[in-house]
Amino acid sequence: MNYIDENFYNLIYAFENTDIYAMYNHMVKGFKKIPEATQKSVENFFRQFNYWGEIDIADENFESFFQKAQVFKNHTKDYLWLYSHLADARSKHLLYAILNNYYNFDFSNLSNASNFAFKQYFDLDLVPKCSDEVFVDVGTYIGDSVLDYISSYGENSYKKIYCYDITQTTLEKAKFNLQNYKNIEYKNCAVTNFSGTIGISCNDFSPSANTTTQASDADIVAVKLDEDIDEKITMIKMDIEGGEKNALLGAQRHIKEDAPKLFISVYHNNTDIFELPKLIESFNPRYKFYLRYYGGPIYPTEIVLIALIDKN
């Protein structure tokens, strides 16, 4: 056993042997010990991006910590499953750093686990080269991930790129930013687990955080990748504000039959980090899993699950 294993299993032991309210109180006390400016920054961030429950310091409302304590208590086996299925030490260190940040407000391990050597999603240690890719970018935003892909692998590395986004204005910006590149198809629709229409909920702070919802008058076309794309897919990136699970369900056939490289955001709620790799494994058990981190040291966002087929 190495120090990463020891630290991780000690943390899981704490989750197993501490009740939910004690964990919640531990996190509240730890949060109040960090600098007030940092507390306020976290509170503002949670207000802008309401994925993980509320934090309202003035009202002593720390709903987010209680939700995390519930997940820690009820899903220790899922964290153990994920840890055992991570394919490298870097991923295991990152998982420990994320959980220790949540529970103990440990900023140093999270900072050390960051991955800024390569462009976001495209870790050249894991995927050193690409050729003839059919790349599906779900959550294109302004085309930044496609530009990072081309910067990493070259403009001759792909056969076709599909760009999906629910926000027409940002998709138009993507078209402008990518106008010099060929064989890119733009689709202003939602990728999910059914075909039909769905609503859009607009975020007040950033269109990057717009989400789909059933309770909206702004209907947009909804598609399943299994029905919308006939050709073989070799690479999928997803960053759609918590809609990744349904999008994966709608791509089940492609994942089973094509075994594409997968780059999936797993930080938009408290359970995606283990639920999504379990879902992918249920579709195709040949995948190996890696975690990479592209966020800051204060609160873990920009956590990416990379799933690659085991060639052995």
C-alpha atoms as a PDB file:
ATOM      1  CA  MET A   1       0.000   0.000   0.000  1.00  0.00           C
ATOM      2  CA  ASN A   2       1.331   3.477  -0.905  1.00  0.00           C
ATOM      3  CA  TYR A   3       0.590   6.808   0.773  1.00  0.00           C
ATOM      4  CA  ILE A   4      -2.230   7.626  -1.677  1.00  0.00           C
ATOM      5  CA  ASP A   5      -3.980   4.344  -0.885  1.00  0.00           C
ATOM      6  CA  GLU A   6      -3.476   4.884   2.838  1.00  0.00           C
ATOM      7  CA  ASN A   7      -4.881   8.419   2.773  1.00  0.00           C
ATOM      8  CA  PHE A   8      -7.857   7.416   0.650  1.00  0.00           C
ATOM      9  CA  TYR A   9      -8.809   4.378   2.752  1.00  0.00           C
ATOM     10  CA  ASN A  10      -8.425   6.378   5.970  1.00  0.00           C
ATOM     11  CA  LEU A  11     -10.849   8.952   4.592  1.00  0.00           C
ATOM     12  CA  ILE A  12     -13.342   6.269   3.569  1.00  0.00           C
ATOM     13  CA  TYR A  13     -13.004   4.752   7.048  1.00  0.00           C
ATOM     14  CA  ALA A  14     -13.936   8.143   8.505  1.00  0.00           C
ATOM     15  CA  PHE A  15     -17.022   8.284   6.278  1.00  0.00           C
ATOM     16  CA  GLU A  16     -18.055   4.787   7.315  1.00  0.00           C
ATOM     17  CA  ASN A  17     -17.645   5.458  11.034  1.00  0.00           C
ATOM     18  CA  THR A  18     -19.071   8.973  11.335  1.00  0.00           C
ATOM     19  CA  ASP A  19     -22.779   9.756  11.191  1.00  0.00           C
ATOM     20  CA  ILE A  20     -24.194  12.253   8.705  1.00  0.00           C
ATOM     21  CA  TYR A  21     -24.764  15.051  11.230  1.00  0.00           C
ATOM     22  CA  ALA A  22     -21.257  14.719  12.650  1.00  0.00           C
ATOM     23  CA  MET A  23     -19.808  14.929   9.135  1.00  0.00           C
ATOM     24  CA  TYR A  24     -21.990  17.937   8.391  1.00  0.00           C
ATOM     25  CA  ASN A  25     -20.852  19.719  11.565  1.00  0.00           C
ATOM     26  CA  HIS A  26     -17.228  18.875  10.788  1.00  0.00           C
ATOM     27  CA  MET A  27     -17.556  20.518   7.351  1.00  0.00           C
ATOM     28  CA  VAL A  28     -19.333  23.607   8.709  1.00  0.00           C
ATOM     29  CA  LYS A  29     -16.599  24.115  11.338  1.00  0.00           C
ATOM     30  CA  GLY A  30     -13.883  23.594   8.728  1.00  0.00           C
ATOM     31  CA  PHE A  31     -15.510  26.057   6.340  1.00  0.00           C
ATOM     32  CA  LYS A  32     -15.678  28.725   9.037  1.00  0.00           C
ATOM     33  CA  LYS A  33     -11.942  28.370   9.653  1.00  0.00           C
ATOM     34  CA  ILE A  34     -10.931  29.329   6.120  1.00  0.00           C
ATOM     35  CA  PRO A  35     -10.443  33.045   5.344  1.00  0.00           C
ATOM     36  CA  GLU A  36     -13.655  35.075   5.203  1.00  0.00           C
ATOM     37  CA  ALA A  37     -12.897  36.278   1.687  1.00  0.00           C
ATOM     38  CA  THR A  38     -12.612  32.664   0.541  1.00  0.00           C
ATOM     39  CA  GLN A  39     -15.863  31.774   2.296  1.00  0.00           C
ATOM     40  CA  LYS A  40     -17.613  34.621   0.499  1.00  0.00           C
ATOM     41  CA  SER A  41     -16.106  33.608  -2.838  1.00  0.00           C
ATOM     42  CA  VAL A  42     -17.437  30.051  -2.418  1.00  0.00           C
ATOM     43  CA  GLU A  43     -20.868  31.389  -1.394  1.00  0.00           C
ATOM     44  CA  ASN A  44     -21.024  33.616  -4.495  1.00  0.00           C
ATOM     45  CA  PHE A  45     -19.894  30.786  -6.741  1.00  0.00           C
ATOM     46  CA  PHE A  46     -22.621  28.493  -5.414  1.00  0.00           C
ATOM     47  CA  ARG A  47     -25.188  31.243  -5.941  1.00  0.00           C
ATOM     48  CA  GLN A  48     -24.167  31.649  -9.565  1.00  0.00           C
ATOM     49  CA  PHE A  49     -23.960  27.928 -10.330  1.00  0.00           C
ATOM     50  CA  ASN A  50     -26.594  26.105  -8.302  1.00  0.00           C
ATOM     51  CA  TYR A  51     -25.497  22.508  -8.802  1.00  0.00           C
ATOM     52  CA  TRP A  52     -24.513  21.360  -5.310  1.00  0.00           C
ATOM     53  CA  GLY A  53     -27.031  22.887  -2.884  1.00  0.00           C
ATOM     54  CA  GLU A  54     -27.037  26.231  -1.120  1.00  0.00           C
ATOM     55  CA  ILE A  55     -24.514  28.079   0.994  1.00  0.00           C
ATOM     56  CA  ASP A  56     -25.805  31.225   2.714  1.00  0.00           C
ATOM     57  CA  ILE A  57     -23.383  32.341   5.391  1.00  0.00           C
ATOM     58  CA  ALA A  58     -25.602  35.034   6.919  1.00  0.00           C
ATOM     59  CA  ASP A  59     -28.501  32.599   7.333  1.00  0.00           C
ATOM     60  CA  GLU A  60     -26.272  29.765   8.562  1.00  0.00           C
ATOM     61  CA  ASN A  61     -27.568  27.731   5.625  1.00  0.00           C
ATOM     62  CA  PHE A  62     -25.031  25.073   4.632  1.00  0.00           C
ATOM     63  CA  GLU A  63     -27.312  22.752   2.697  1.00  0.00           C
ATOM     64  CA  SER A  64     -24.474  21.797   0.360  1.00  0.00           C
ATOM     65  CA  PHE A  65     -22.434  20.309   3.207  1.00  0.00           C
ATOM     66  CA  PHE A  66     -25.376  18.240   4.420  1.00  0.00           C
ATOM     67  CA  GLN A  67     -25.943  16.890   0.902  1.00  0.00           C
ATOM     68  CA  LYS A  68     -22.284  15.920   0.645  1.00  0.00           C
ATOM     69  CA  ALA A  69     -22.389  14.236   4.054  1.00  0.00           C
ATOM     70  CA  GLN A  70     -25.348  12.159   2.862  1.00  0.00           C
ATOM     71  CA  VAL A  71     -23.450  11.083  -0.246  1.00  0.00           C
ATOM     72  CA  PHE A  72     -20.324  10.258   1.760  1.00  0.00           C
ATOM     73  CA  LYS A  73     -22.345   8.073   4.116  1.00  0.00           C
ATOM     74  CA  ASN A  74     -24.547   6.366   1.549  1.00  0.00           C
ATOM     75  CA  HIS A  75     -22.024   5.823  -1.230  1.00  0.00           C
ATOM     76  CA  THR A  76     -18.768   4.694   0.388  1.00  0.00           C
ATOM     77  CA  LYS A  77     -18.955   1.465  -1.633  1.00  0.00           C
ATOM     78  CA  ASP A  78     -19.330   3.492  -4.838  1.00  0.00           C
ATOM     79  CA  TYR A  79     -16.217   5.533  -4.015  1.00  0.00           C
ATOM     80  CA  LEU A  80     -14.334   2.298  -3.303  1.00  0.00           C
ATOM     81  CA  TRP A  81     -15.556   0.869  -6.609  1.00  0.00           C
ATOM     82  CA  LEU A  82     -14.357   3.943  -8.472  1.00  0.00           C
ATOM     83  CA  TYR A  83     -10.982   3.964  -6.738  1.00  0.00           C
ATOM     84  CA  SER A  84     -10.420   0.315  -7.651  1.00  0.00           C
ATOM     85  CA  HIS A  85     -11.350   1.007 -11.281  1.00  0.00           C
ATOM     86  CA  LEU A  86      -9.078   4.010 -11.779  1.00  0.00           C
ATOM     87  CA  ALA A  87      -6.224   3.014 -14.040  1.00  0.00           C
ATOM     88  CA  ASP A  88      -3.373   5.188 -12.770  1.00  0.00           C
ATOM     89  CA  ALA A  89      -2.008   6.662  -9.534  1.00  0.00           C
ATOM     90  CA  ARG A  90      -2.635  10.204 -10.744  1.00  0.00           C
ATOM     91  CA  SER A  91      -6.362   9.507 -10.970  1.00  0.00           C
ATOM     92  CA  LYS A  92      -6.421   7.920  -7.530  1.00  0.00           C
ATOM     93  CA  HIS A  93      -4.586  10.866  -6.002  1.00  0.00           C
ATOM     94  CA  LEU A  94      -7.107  13.204  -7.625  1.00  0.00           C
ATOM     95  CA  LEU A  95     -10.085  11.303  -6.242  1.00  0.00           C
ATOM     96  CA  TYR A  96      -8.588  11.498  -2.755  1.00  0.00           C
ATOM     97  CA  ALA A  97      -7.824  15.207  -3.230  1.00  0.00           C
ATOM     98  CA  ILE A  98     -11.411  15.933  -4.302  1.00  0.00           C
ATOM     99  CA  LEU A  99     -12.977  14.108  -1.354  1.00  0.00           C
ATOM    100  CA  ASN A 100     -10.501  15.588   1.104  1.00  0.00           C
ATOM    101  CA  ASN A 101     -11.261  19.053  -0.223  1.00  0.00           C
ATOM    102  CA  TYR A 102     -14.975  18.494   0.292  1.00  0.00           C
ATOM    103  CA  TYR A 103     -14.537  17.102   3.789  1.00  0.00           C
ATOM    104  CA  ASN A 104     -11.471  18.872   5.204  1.00  0.00           C
ATOM    105  CA  PHE A 105     -11.124  21.934   2.919  1.00  0.00           C
ATOM    106  CA  ASP A 106      -7.709  20.699   1.851  1.00  0.00           C
ATOM    107  CA  PHE A 107      -6.607  23.043  -0.926  1.00  0.00           C
ATOM    108  CA  SER A 108      -3.016  21.811  -1.301  1.00  0.00           C
ATOM    109  CA  ASN A 109      -3.710  18.280  -2.541  1.00  0.00           C
ATOM    110  CA  LEU A 110      -6.276  19.586  -5.009  1.00  0.00           C
ATOM    111  CA  SER A 111      -3.806  22.144  -6.316  1.00  0.00           C
ATOM    112  CA  ASN A 112      -1.149  19.454  -6.713  1.00  0.00           C
ATOM    113  CA  ALA A 113      -3.613  17.261  -8.604  1.00  0.00           C
ATOM    114  CA  SER A 114      -4.345  19.907 -11.264  1.00  0.00           C
ATOM    115  CA  ASN A 115      -3.490  19.081 -14.849  1.00  0.00           C
ATOM    116  CA  PHE A 116      -2.264  22.135 -16.737  1.00  0.00           C
ATOM    117  CA  ALA A 117       0.411  20.449 -18.830  1.00  0.00           C
ATOM    118  CA  PHE A 118      -2.116  19.776 -21.610  1.00  0.00           C
ATOM    119  CA  LYS A 119      -5.287  21.318 -22.992  1.00  0.00           C
ATOM    120  CA  GLN A 120      -8.475  20.500 -21.104  1.00  0.00           C
ATOM    121  CA  TYR A 121      -9.775  17.006 -21.965  1.00  0.00           C
ATOM    122  CA  PHE A 122      -6.862  16.186 -24.254  1.00  0.00           C
ATOM    123  CA  ASP A 123      -4.228  14.540 -22.074  1.00  0.00           C
ATOM    124  CA  LEU A 124      -1.375  13.596 -24.401  1.00  0.00           C
ATOM    125  CA  ASP A 125      -0.074  11.007 -21.951  1.00  0.00           C
ATOM    126  CA  LEU A 126      -3.350   9.108 -22.335  1.00  0.00           C
ATOM    127  CA  VAL A 127      -4.195   9.966 -25.957  1.00  0.00           C
ATOM    128  CA  PRO A 128      -0.883  10.856 -27.629  1.00  0.00           C
ATOM    129  CA  LYS A 129      -2.214  11.077 -31.186  1.00  0.00           C
ATOM    130  CA  CYS A 130      -5.424  11.130 -33.189  1.00  0.00           C
ATOM    131  CA  SER A 131      -6.207  10.427 -36.835  1.00  0.00           C
ATOM    132  CA  ASP A 132      -9.421  10.197 -38.885  1.00  0.00           C
ATOM    133  CA  GLU A 133     -11.461  10.996 -35.795  1.00  0.00           C
ATOM    134  CA  VAL A 134     -15.206  11.498 -35.857  1.00  0.00           C
ATOM    135  CA  PHE A 135     -15.344  13.833 -32.880  1.00  0.00           C
ATOM    136  CA  VAL A 136     -18.667  14.716 -31.247  1.00  0.00           C
ATOM    137  CA  ASP A 137     -18.463  17.808 -29.040  1.00  0.00           C
ATOM    138  CA  VAL A 138     -21.565  17.887 -26.823  1.00  0.00           C
ATOM    139  CA  GLY A 139     -21.693  21.308 -25.202  1.00  0.00           C
ATOM    140  CA  THR A 140     -19.601  23.155 -27.776  1.00  0.00           C
ATOM    141  CA  TYR A 141     -20.125  26.601 -26.216  1.00  0.00           C
ATOM    142  CA  ILE A 142     -17.953  28.971 -28.326  1.00  0.00           C
ATOM    143  CA  GLY A 143     -15.828  26.232 -29.876  1.00  0.00           C
ATOM    144  CA  ASP A 144     -13.029  26.354 -27.316  1.00  0.00           C
ATOM    145  CA  SER A 145     -12.782  22.566 -26.908  1.00  0.00           C
ATOM    146  CA  VAL A 146     -12.620  22.052 -30.670  1.00  0.00           C
ATOM    147  CA  LEU A 147      -9.859  24.644 -30.902  1.00  0.00           C
ATOM    148  CA  ASP A 148      -8.018  22.843 -28.093  1.00  0.00           C
ATOM    149  CA  TYR A 149      -8.443  19.539 -29.934  1.00  0.00           C
ATOM    150  CA  ILE A 150      -7.029  21.007 -33.155  1.00  0.00           C
ATOM    151  CA  SER A 151      -4.200  22.673 -31.225  1.00  0.00           C
ATOM    152  CA  SER A 152      -3.360  19.324 -29.609  1.00  0.00           C
ATOM    153  CA  TYR A 153      -3.653  17.008 -32.604  1.00  0.00           C
ATOM    154  CA  GLY A 154      -3.654  19.155 -35.743  1.00  0.00           C
ATOM    155  CA  GLU A 155      -6.320  20.106 -38.271  1.00  0.00           C
ATOM    156  CA  ASN A 156      -5.641  16.967 -40.315  1.00  0.00           C
ATOM    157  CA  SER A 157      -6.360  14.658 -37.378  1.00  0.00           C
ATOM    158  CA  TYR A 158     -10.116  14.403 -37.887  1.00  0.00           C
ATOM    159  CA  LYS A 159     -12.548  13.311 -40.545  1.00  0.00           C
ATOM    160  CA  LYS A 160     -15.622  15.058 -39.124  1.00  0.00           C
ATOM    161  CA  ILE A 161     -16.557  17.137 -36.082  1.00  0.00           C
ATOM    162  CA  TYR A 162     -20.115  17.491 -34.813  1.00  0.00           C
ATOM    163  CA  CYS A 163     -20.781  20.510 -32.576  1.00  0.00           C
ATOM    164  CA  TYR A 164     -23.902  20.428 -30.392  1.00  0.00           C
ATOM    165  CA  ASP A 165     -25.082  23.283 -28.194  1.00  0.00           C
ATOM    166  CA  ILE A 166     -28.454  24.387 -26.829  1.00  0.00           C
ATOM    167  CA  THR A 167     -27.657  28.120 -26.968  1.00  0.00           C
ATOM    168  CA  GLN A 168     -27.920  29.610 -30.448  1.00  0.00           C
ATOM    169  CA  THR A 169     -25.850  32.727 -29.658  1.00  0.00           C
ATOM    170  CA  THR A 170     -22.852  30.786 -28.382  1.00  0.00           C
ATOM    171  CA  LEU A 171     -23.097  28.311 -31.266  1.00  0.00           C
ATOM    172  CA  GLU A 172     -22.886  31.243 -33.679  1.00  0.00           C
ATOM    173  CA  LYS A 173     -19.703  32.329 -31.905  1.00  0.00           C
ATOM    174  CA  ALA A 174     -18.368  28.801 -32.327  1.00  0.00           C
ATOM    175  CA  LYS A 175     -19.073  28.959 -36.058  1.00  0.00           C
ATOM    176  CA  PHE A 176     -17.132  32.222 -36.249  1.00  0.00           C
ATOM    177  CA  ASN A 177     -14.211  30.920 -34.196  1.00  0.00           C
ATOM    178  CA  LEU A 178     -14.009  27.729 -36.268  1.00  0.00           C
ATOM    179  CA  GLN A 179     -14.699  29.235 -39.678  1.00  0.00           C
ATOM    180  CA  ASN A 180     -11.247  28.363 -41.004  1.00  0.00           C
ATOM    181  CA  TYR A 181     -11.665  24.636 -40.390  1.00  0.00           C
ATOM    182  CA  LYS A 182     -13.412  22.150 -42.649  1.00  0.00           C
ATOM    183  CA  ASN A 183     -15.881  19.317 -42.081  1.00  0.00           C
ATOM    184  CA  ILE A 184     -17.562  20.733 -38.975  1.00  0.00           C
ATOM    185  CA  GLU A 185     -21.329  20.382 -38.582  1.00  0.00           C
ATOM    186  CA  TYR A 186     -23.222  22.596 -36.136  1.00  0.00           C
ATOM    187  CA  LYS A 187     -26.401  21.466 -34.389  1.00  0.00           C
ATOM    188  CA  ASN A 188     -28.473  23.790 -32.206  1.00  0.00           C
ATOM    189  CA  CYS A 189     -30.148  21.049 -30.203  1.00  0.00           C
ATOM    190  CA  ALA A 190     -29.988  19.211 -26.909  1.00  0.00           C
ATOM    191  CA  VAL A 191     -28.315  15.805 -26.679  1.00  0.00           C
ATOM    192  CA  THR A 192     -30.219  13.575 -24.289  1.00  0.00           C
ATOM    193  CA  ASN A 193     -31.920  10.160 -24.012  1.00  0.00           C
ATOM    194  CA  PHE A 194     -34.987  10.832 -26.177  1.00  0.00           C
ATOM    195  CA  SER A 195     -35.985  12.479 -29.433  1.00  0.00           C
ATOM    196  CA  GLY A 196     -38.470  15.345 -29.346  1.00  0.00           C
ATOM    197  CA  THR A 197     -38.331  18.791 -27.768  1.00  0.00           C
ATOM    198  CA  ILE A 198     -37.104  20.125 -24.448  1.00  0.00           C
ATOM    199  CA  GLY A 199     -36.956  23.514 -22.715  1.00  0.00           C
ATOM    200  CA  ILE A 200     -34.003  25.750 -21.902  1.00  0.00           C
ATOM    201  CA  SER A 201     -33.324  27.333 -18.514  1.00  0.00           C
ATOM    202  CA  CYS A 202     -30.994  30.303 -18.948  1.00  0.00           C
ATOM    203  CA  ASN A 203     -28.370  31.032 -16.307  1.00  0.00           C
ATOM    204  CA  ASP A 204     -28.303  34.683 -15.207  1.00  0.00           C
ATOM    205  CA  PHE A 205     -24.515  34.797 -14.950  1.00  0.00           C
ATOM    206  CA  SER A 206     -23.225  32.874 -17.966  1.00  0.00           C
ATOM    207  CA  PRO A 207     -24.727  31.186 -21.032  1.00  0.00           C
ATOM    208  CA  SER A 208     -22.141  28.442 -20.513  1.00  0.00           C
ATOM    209  CA  ALA A 209     -24.355  27.272 -17.626  1.00  0.00           C
ATOM    210  CA  ASN A 210     -27.643  27.186 -19.539  1.00  0.00           C
ATOM    211  CA  THR A 211     -29.433  23.901 -18.915  1.00  0.00           C
ATOM    212  CA  THR A 212     -32.328  21.916 -20.308  1.00  0.00           C
ATOM    213  CA  THR A 213     -35.572  21.656 -18.388  1.00  0.00           C
ATOM    214  CA  GLN A 214     -39.096  20.356 -18.836  1.00  0.00           C
ATOM    215  CA  ALA A 215     -40.520  23.579 -17.332  1.00  0.00           C
ATOM    216  CA  SER A 216     -39.797  26.169 -20.023  1.00  0.00           C
ATOM    217  CA  ASP A 217     -41.489  27.770 -23.004  1.00  0.00           C
ATOM    218  CA  ALA A 218     -38.233  27.951 -24.989  1.00  0.00           C
ATOM    219  CA  ASP A 219     -38.479  24.617 -26.768  1.00  0.00           C
ATOM    220  CA  ILE A 220     -35.503  23.203 -28.620  1.00  0.00           C
ATOM    221  CA  VAL A 221     -34.998  19.982 -30.539  1.00  0.00           C
ATOM    222  CA  ALA A 222     -33.780  17.076 -28.410  1.00  0.00           C
ATOM    223  CA  VAL A 223     -31.862  14.172 -29.960  1.00  0.00           C
ATOM    224  CA  LYS A 224     -30.207  10.889 -29.082  1.00  0.00           C
ATOM    225  CA  LEU A 225     -26.740  10.470 -30.552  1.00  0.00           C
ATOM    226  CA  ASP A 226     -27.673   6.874 -31.412  1.00  0.00           C
ATOM    227  CA  GLU A 227     -30.361   8.213 -33.761  1.00  0.00           C
ATOM    228  CA  ASP A 228     -28.801  11.500 -34.860  1.00  0.00           C
ATOM    229  CA  ILE A 229     -25.432  10.182 -36.073  1.00  0.00           C
ATOM    230  CA  ASP A 230     -25.249   7.082 -38.265  1.00  0.00           C
ATOM    231  CA  GLU A 231     -21.512   6.869 -38.874  1.00  0.00           C
ATOM    232  CA  LYS A 232     -19.011   5.395 -36.459  1.00  0.00           C
ATOM    233  CA  ILE A 233     -18.052   7.820 -33.666  1.00  0.00           C
ATOM    234  CA  THR A 234     -14.467   7.662 -32.404  1.00  0.00           C
ATOM    235  CA  MET A 235     -14.465  10.441 -29.779  1.00  0.00           C
ATOM    236  CA  ILE A 236     -17.077  12.111 -27.578  1.00  0.00           C
ATOM    237  CA  LYS A 237     -16.640  15.067 -25.235  1.00  0.00           C
ATOM    238  CA  MET A 238     -19.536  16.091 -22.973  1.00  0.00           C
ATOM    239  CA  ASP A 239     -19.889  19.159 -20.765  1.00  0.00           C
ATOM    240  CA  ILE A 240     -23.602  19.906 -20.466  1.00  0.00           C
ATOM    241  CA  GLU A 241     -24.237  21.097 -16.930  1.00  0.00           C
ATOM    242  CA  GLY A 242     -25.534  17.881 -15.430  1.00  0.00           C
ATOM    243  CA  GLY A 243     -27.149  16.443 -18.565  1.00  0.00           C
ATOM    244  CA  GLU A 244     -24.253  14.048 -19.181  1.00  0.00           C
ATOM    245  CA  LYS A 245     -26.017  10.953 -17.794  1.00  0.00           C
ATOM    246  CA  ASN A 246     -28.984  11.250 -20.135  1.00  0.00           C
ATOM    247  CA  ALA A 247     -26.706  12.081 -23.063  1.00  0.00           C
ATOM    248  CA  LEU A 248     -24.700   8.909 -22.390  1.00  0.00           C
ATOM    249  CA  LEU A 249     -27.908   6.879 -22.210  1.00  0.00           C
ATOM    250  CA  GLY A 250     -28.799   8.236 -25.635  1.00  0.00           C
ATOM    251  CA  ALA A 251     -25.381   7.181 -26.973  1.00  0.00           C
ATOM    252  CA  GLN A 252     -25.472   3.631 -25.621  1.00  0.00           C
ATOM    253  CA  ARG A 253     -25.305   1.931 -29.024  1.00  0.00           C
ATOM    254  CA  HIS A 254     -22.320   3.992 -30.157  1.00  0.00           C
ATOM    255  CA  ILE A 255     -20.498   3.280 -26.887  1.00  0.00           C
ATOM    256  CA  LYS A 256     -21.179  -0.442 -27.181  1.00  0.00           C
ATOM    257  CA  GLU A 257     -20.396  -0.812 -30.877  1.00  0.00           C
ATOM    258  CA  ASP A 258     -17.898   1.975 -31.654  1.00  0.00           C
ATOM    259  CA  ALA A 259     -16.069   2.200 -28.298  1.00  0.00           C
ATOM    260  CA  PRO A 260     -15.217   5.898 -28.750  1.00  0.00           C
ATOM    261  CA  LYS A 261     -12.739   7.751 -26.579  1.00  0.00           C
ATOM    262  CA  LEU A 262     -14.848   9.481 -23.909  1.00  0.00           C
ATOM    263  CA  PHE A 263     -14.121  12.796 -22.190  1.00  0.00           C
ATOM    264  CA  ILE A 264     -16.967  13.456 -19.761  1.00  0.00           C
ATOM    265  CA  SER A 265     -17.463  16.227 -17.185  1.00  0.00           C
ATOM    266  CA  VAL A 266     -18.349  14.631 -13.832  1.00  0.00           C
ATOM    267  CA  TYR A 267     -18.664  17.562 -11.424  1.00  0.00           C
ATOM    268  CA  HIS A 268     -22.138  19.033 -11.988  1.00  0.00           C
ATOM    269  CA  ASN A 269     -23.627  17.100  -9.081  1.00  0.00           C
ATOM    270  CA  ASN A 270     -22.379  15.032  -6.153  1.00  0.00           C
ATOM    271  CA  THR A 271     -22.812  11.561  -7.682  1.00  0.00           C
ATOM    272  CA  ASP A 272     -21.770  11.758 -11.355  1.00  0.00           C
ATOM    273  CA  ILE A 273     -18.148  11.054 -10.439  1.00  0.00           C
ATOM    274  CA  PHE A 274     -19.020   7.400  -9.712  1.00  0.00           C
ATOM    275  CA  GLU A 275     -22.396   6.998 -11.438  1.00  0.00           C
ATOM    276  CA  LEU A 276     -21.148   7.867 -14.925  1.00  0.00           C
ATOM    277  CA  PRO A 277     -18.197   5.434 -15.035  1.00  0.00           C
ATOM    278  CA  LYS A 278     -20.510   2.701 -13.709  1.00  0.00           C
ATOM    279  CA  LEU A 279     -22.976   3.526 -16.485  1.00  0.00           C
ATOM    280  CA  ILE A 280     -20.257   3.443 -19.147  1.00  0.00           C
ATOM    281  CA  GLU A 281     -18.968   0.120 -17.842  1.00  0.00           C
ATOM    282  CA  SER A 282     -22.481  -1.319 -18.066  1.00  0.00           C
ATOM    283  CA  PHE A 283     -22.494  -0.423 -21.766  1.00  0.00           C
ATOM    284  CA  ASN A 284     -18.986  -1.640 -22.505  1.00  0.00           C
ATOM    285  CA  PRO A 285     -16.866  -3.349 -19.817  1.00  0.00           C
ATOM    286  CA  ARG A 286     -13.640  -2.957 -21.822  1.00  0.00           C
ATOM    287  CA  TYR A 287     -13.186   0.681 -20.791  1.00  0.00           C
ATOM    288  CA  LYS A 288     -10.445   1.849 -18.451  1.00  0.00           C
ATOM    289  CA  PHE A 289     -11.083   4.995 -16.423  1.00  0.00           C
ATOM    290  CA  TYR A 290      -8.955   8.024 -15.611  1.00  0.00           C
ATOM    291  CA  LEU A 291      -9.692  11.284 -13.795  1.00  0.00           C
ATOM    292  CA  ARG A 292      -8.082  14.595 -14.699  1.00  0.00           C
ATOM    293  CA  TYR A 293      -8.527  18.008 -13.088  1.00  0.00           C
ATOM    294  CA  TYR A 294      -8.454  21.430 -14.754  1.00  0.00           C
ATOM    295  CA  GLY A 295      -9.929  23.639 -12.012  1.00  0.00           C
ATOM    296  CA  GLY A 296      -8.646  25.764  -9.163  1.00  0.00           C
ATOM    297  CA  PRO A 297      -7.633  24.835  -5.600  1.00  0.00           C
ATOM    298  CA  ILE A 298     -10.684  26.130  -3.698  1.00  0.00           C
ATOM    299  CA  TYR A 299     -13.638  24.030  -4.884  1.00  0.00           C
ATOM    300  CA  PRO A 300     -13.398  21.121  -7.334  1.00  0.00           C
ATOM    301  CA  THR A 301     -14.922  21.850 -10.725  1.00  0.00           C
ATOM    302  CA  GLU A 302     -13.660  20.962 -14.213  1.00  0.00           C
ATOM    303  CA  ILE A 303     -13.264  17.304 -13.242  1.00  0.00           C
ATOM    304  CA  VAL A 304     -13.042  15.138 -16.363  1.00  0.00           C
ATOM    305  CA  LEU A 305     -13.555  11.405 -16.629  1.00  0.00           C
ATOM    306  CA  ILE A 306     -11.524   9.968 -19.492  1.00  0.00           C
ATOM    307  CA  ALA A 307     -12.662   6.501 -20.575  1.00  0.00           C
ATOM    308  CA  LEU A 308     -10.506   4.567 -23.027  1.00  0.00           C
ATOM    309  CA  ILE A 309     -10.768   1.054 -24.339  1.00  0.00           C
ATOM    310  CA  ASP A 310      -8.315  -1.424 -22.924  1.00  0.00           C
ATOM    311  CA  LYS A 311      -6.406  -2.731 -25.957  1.00  0.00           C
ATOM    312  CA  ASN A 312      -5.206  -5.850 -24.151  1.00  0.00           C
END
